Protein backbone atom coordinates (compact mmCIF):
# COMPACT_ATOMS: atom_id res chain seq x y z
CA MET A 1 -0.15 0.04 0.06
CA THR A 2 1.42 3.54 -0.94
CA ILE A 3 1.22 6.72 0.69
CA THR A 4 1.80 10.16 -0.16
CA ALA A 5 2.40 13.38 1.46
CA GLU A 6 -0.82 14.73 -0.34
CA ASP A 7 -2.53 11.85 1.46
CA ILE A 8 -1.94 13.39 4.89
CA THR A 9 -2.92 16.26 7.13
CA ALA A 10 -0.42 17.33 9.92
CA VAL A 11 -2.75 18.07 12.80
CA ILE A 12 -1.32 19.63 16.21
CA LEU A 13 -2.98 19.21 18.73
CA ALA A 14 -3.10 22.67 21.12
CA GLY A 15 -6.45 22.07 22.37
CA GLY A 16 -5.86 21.27 25.91
CA GLN A 17 -6.31 23.48 29.15
CA GLY A 18 -2.48 23.73 30.44
CA ARG A 19 -3.74 22.49 33.88
CA ARG A 20 -0.10 22.08 35.07
CA MET A 21 1.14 25.65 33.40
CA GLY A 22 -1.34 27.14 35.38
CA GLY A 23 -3.89 27.29 32.45
CA GLN A 24 -2.02 28.89 30.02
CA ASP A 25 -2.02 27.86 26.41
CA LYS A 26 0.67 25.82 26.26
CA GLY A 27 0.52 26.42 21.75
CA LEU A 28 1.26 29.88 22.85
CA LEU A 29 3.99 29.28 25.17
CA ASP A 30 7.21 31.61 24.33
CA PHE A 31 9.86 28.93 24.00
CA ASN A 32 13.39 31.01 23.33
CA GLY A 33 11.62 33.65 21.64
CA ARG A 34 9.07 32.27 19.67
CA PRO A 35 5.86 30.55 20.27
CA LEU A 36 5.74 26.52 20.51
CA VAL A 37 3.48 26.46 17.82
CA ALA A 38 5.01 28.40 15.37
CA LEU A 39 8.26 26.13 15.65
CA LEU A 40 6.04 22.94 15.54
CA ILE A 41 5.01 25.04 12.09
CA ASP A 42 8.15 25.82 10.59
CA GLU A 43 9.35 21.85 10.94
CA LEU A 44 5.99 20.37 9.53
CA GLU A 45 5.90 22.59 6.38
CA ARG A 46 9.30 20.84 5.78
CA GLN A 47 7.09 17.29 5.87
CA ALA A 48 3.67 18.24 4.94
CA LEU A 49 1.66 19.70 2.18
CA ALA A 50 -1.38 20.47 4.71
CA ILE A 51 -1.61 21.57 7.61
CA VAL A 52 -4.05 22.18 10.68
CA ILE A 53 -4.24 23.77 14.38
CA ASN A 54 -6.87 21.74 17.14
CA ALA A 55 -7.52 24.60 19.53
CA ASN A 56 -10.13 25.82 21.91
CA ARG A 57 -9.24 28.93 23.16
CA ASN A 58 -7.18 32.17 21.52
CA LEU A 59 -8.42 30.95 18.17
CA GLN A 60 -7.20 33.96 16.11
CA ARG A 61 -4.35 34.07 17.60
CA TYR A 62 -4.06 30.59 16.27
CA ARG A 63 -5.39 31.54 13.03
CA SER A 64 -2.78 34.32 12.52
CA PHE A 65 -0.30 31.42 12.04
CA GLY A 66 -2.04 30.79 8.50
CA TYR A 67 -3.22 27.72 8.71
CA PRO A 68 -6.83 26.65 9.18
CA VAL A 69 -7.64 25.73 13.28
CA VAL A 70 -10.49 23.18 14.22
CA ASN A 71 -11.65 23.22 17.21
CA ASP A 72 -13.24 20.45 19.03
CA GLN A 73 -16.75 19.30 18.58
CA LEU A 74 -17.33 18.03 22.35
CA GLU A 75 -17.42 20.71 25.10
CA ASP A 76 -15.14 21.02 28.26
CA TYR A 77 -11.60 19.71 26.75
CA GLN A 78 -11.85 16.29 26.56
CA GLY A 79 -8.55 15.24 25.60
CA PRO A 80 -6.96 14.64 22.66
CA LEU A 81 -9.18 12.03 20.70
CA ALA A 82 -11.63 14.90 20.76
CA GLY A 83 -8.84 16.56 18.84
CA PHE A 84 -8.46 13.74 16.34
CA ALA A 85 -11.96 13.38 15.70
CA SER A 86 -12.94 16.98 15.13
CA ALA A 87 -9.57 17.04 12.64
CA MET A 88 -11.18 13.87 11.25
CA HIS A 89 -14.53 15.90 10.42
CA ALA A 90 -13.08 19.07 8.88
CA VAL A 91 -10.26 17.64 6.52
CA LYS A 92 -10.24 16.26 3.45
CA THR A 93 -7.48 14.18 3.35
CA ASP A 94 -7.03 10.02 3.76
CA PHE A 95 -4.88 10.53 6.86
CA ILE A 96 -4.24 12.60 9.91
CA LEU A 97 -0.82 13.11 11.59
CA THR A 98 -1.12 13.77 15.04
CA LEU A 99 1.36 15.54 17.12
CA PRO A 100 1.10 17.72 20.40
CA CYS A 101 1.82 21.71 20.43
CA ASP A 102 4.14 21.01 23.89
CA GLY A 103 7.08 19.28 22.45
CA PRO A 104 9.38 22.10 20.88
CA THR A 105 11.54 19.93 18.52
CA LEU A 106 10.35 17.42 15.53
CA ALA A 107 12.38 14.61 13.73
CA ASP A 108 13.15 15.90 10.15
CA ASP A 109 11.64 12.81 8.64
CA TYR A 110 8.85 12.81 11.32
CA ALA A 111 6.27 11.93 8.33
CA ALA A 112 8.64 9.54 6.30
CA ARG A 113 9.01 7.09 9.62
CA PHE A 114 5.14 7.34 9.77
CA MET A 115 4.67 6.62 6.10
CA ALA A 116 7.01 4.30 5.61
CA ARG A 117 5.79 2.22 8.21
CA PHE A 118 2.10 2.55 7.04
CA GLU A 119 3.60 1.17 3.73
CA GLN A 120 5.02 -2.13 5.60
CA THR A 121 2.43 -2.89 7.42
CA GLY A 122 -1.21 -1.57 5.65
CA ALA A 123 -2.14 -0.57 9.66
CA PRO A 124 -5.12 1.97 9.55
CA VAL A 125 -3.40 3.06 12.36
CA ILE A 126 0.57 3.84 13.59
CA VAL A 127 1.61 5.37 16.85
CA ALA A 128 4.89 6.29 17.50
CA PHE A 129 7.32 4.04 19.59
CA ASP A 130 10.12 5.74 21.64
CA GLY A 131 12.29 2.29 22.84
CA GLU A 132 10.34 2.42 25.76
CA ARG A 133 6.73 2.66 25.38
CA LEU A 134 4.20 4.12 23.14
CA GLN A 135 3.56 8.13 22.25
CA PRO A 136 0.26 7.74 21.41
CA VAL A 137 -0.55 11.39 20.77
CA HIS A 138 2.01 11.00 17.91
CA ALA A 139 0.12 8.79 15.30
CA LEU A 140 -0.42 8.85 11.91
CA ILE A 141 -4.21 7.55 11.24
CA ARG A 142 -6.68 6.98 8.44
CA THR A 143 -9.81 9.32 8.66
CA SER A 144 -11.75 6.28 7.48
CA LEU A 145 -12.22 5.28 10.99
CA ARG A 146 -13.80 8.52 12.02
CA PRO A 147 -17.32 6.87 12.48
CA SER A 148 -15.46 4.24 14.85
CA LEU A 149 -14.19 7.31 16.76
CA ASP A 150 -17.29 9.07 16.89
CA ARG A 151 -19.13 6.41 18.39
CA PHE A 152 -16.20 5.52 20.79
CA LEU A 153 -16.68 9.01 22.07
CA ALA A 154 -20.30 8.78 22.42
CA THR A 155 -19.69 5.61 25.03
CA GLY A 156 -18.16 8.25 27.21
CA ASP A 157 -14.42 6.89 27.04
CA ARG A 158 -11.56 9.11 26.27
CA LYS A 159 -8.61 6.38 26.84
CA ILE A 160 -6.71 6.67 23.64
CA ASP A 161 -4.95 3.78 23.94
CA ARG A 162 -8.59 1.64 24.54
CA TRP A 163 -9.92 2.94 21.40
CA TYR A 164 -6.26 2.19 19.47
CA ALA A 165 -6.63 -1.52 21.12
CA SER A 166 -9.75 -1.62 18.95
CA HIS A 167 -8.67 -1.40 15.71
CA ASP A 168 -4.72 -3.25 13.90
CA TYR A 169 -2.38 -0.82 14.79
CA ALA A 170 1.54 -0.64 14.44
CA GLN A 171 4.39 0.72 16.03
CA ALA A 172 6.76 3.75 14.42
CA ASP A 173 9.93 3.14 15.64
CA PHE A 174 11.55 6.58 16.91
CA SER A 175 13.81 5.21 19.81
CA ASP A 176 16.95 6.62 18.24
CA CYS A 177 15.35 10.11 18.80
CA ALA A 178 13.35 9.58 21.78
CA ASP A 179 14.63 13.20 23.23
CA MET A 180 11.67 14.42 20.70
CA PHE A 181 9.04 12.97 23.20
CA ARG A 182 10.44 15.20 26.17
CA ASN A 183 6.99 17.88 26.68
CA ILE A 184 6.44 20.89 28.37
CA ASN A 185 4.37 20.24 30.97
CA THR A 186 5.00 22.70 34.09
CA PRO A 187 7.29 26.04 34.13
CA SER A 188 9.98 23.69 35.11
CA ASP A 189 10.30 21.61 32.02
CA ARG A 190 10.37 24.60 29.85
CA GLN A 191 13.31 26.09 31.83
CA ASP A 192 14.87 22.77 30.98
CA LEU A 193 14.52 22.05 27.67
CA GLN A 194 15.23 25.77 26.99
CA ALA A 195 18.73 25.45 28.25
CA SER A 196 19.19 22.07 26.61
CA GLN A 197 18.16 23.68 23.06
């Protein structure tokens, strides 16, 4: 099975509450002089033809980055699966490529690794593996799974690993760049990561 860049929309997930950051909108946090979302856009523009931002606050600010903004159809910050579902409803491509807004670095072959793994396996869900565990918010997902996800969310369940387990999924190996999964949850995380850049 083949897949090309035209088949994918990259989705930056910026719809959370940022509770451990004092309620700050993490995608807009300054990281060494630039918003986190801008850093990710810079990297994704080299890897994806289509990008959308999933956000639930500061929508005009997110739109200022020049890409469509999709907010959750479910209210009250229901987690990454709600962002997945809203993106699936909005995009026209056969796949979404998801990533959280709070990790400032991205492998320069991020999309290519997922695409290669899909071509090897044909699995409708490809999830990043850091060498020790899955990183479930980093994924390539067929948009044809949207009805399944809508049904799952309608039950009230929000557990991402439980939804993945209901489908065939494969792992994309990122063990050689596991630092990519360091994310910013607290002010001290931001300080540590900024110091390491």
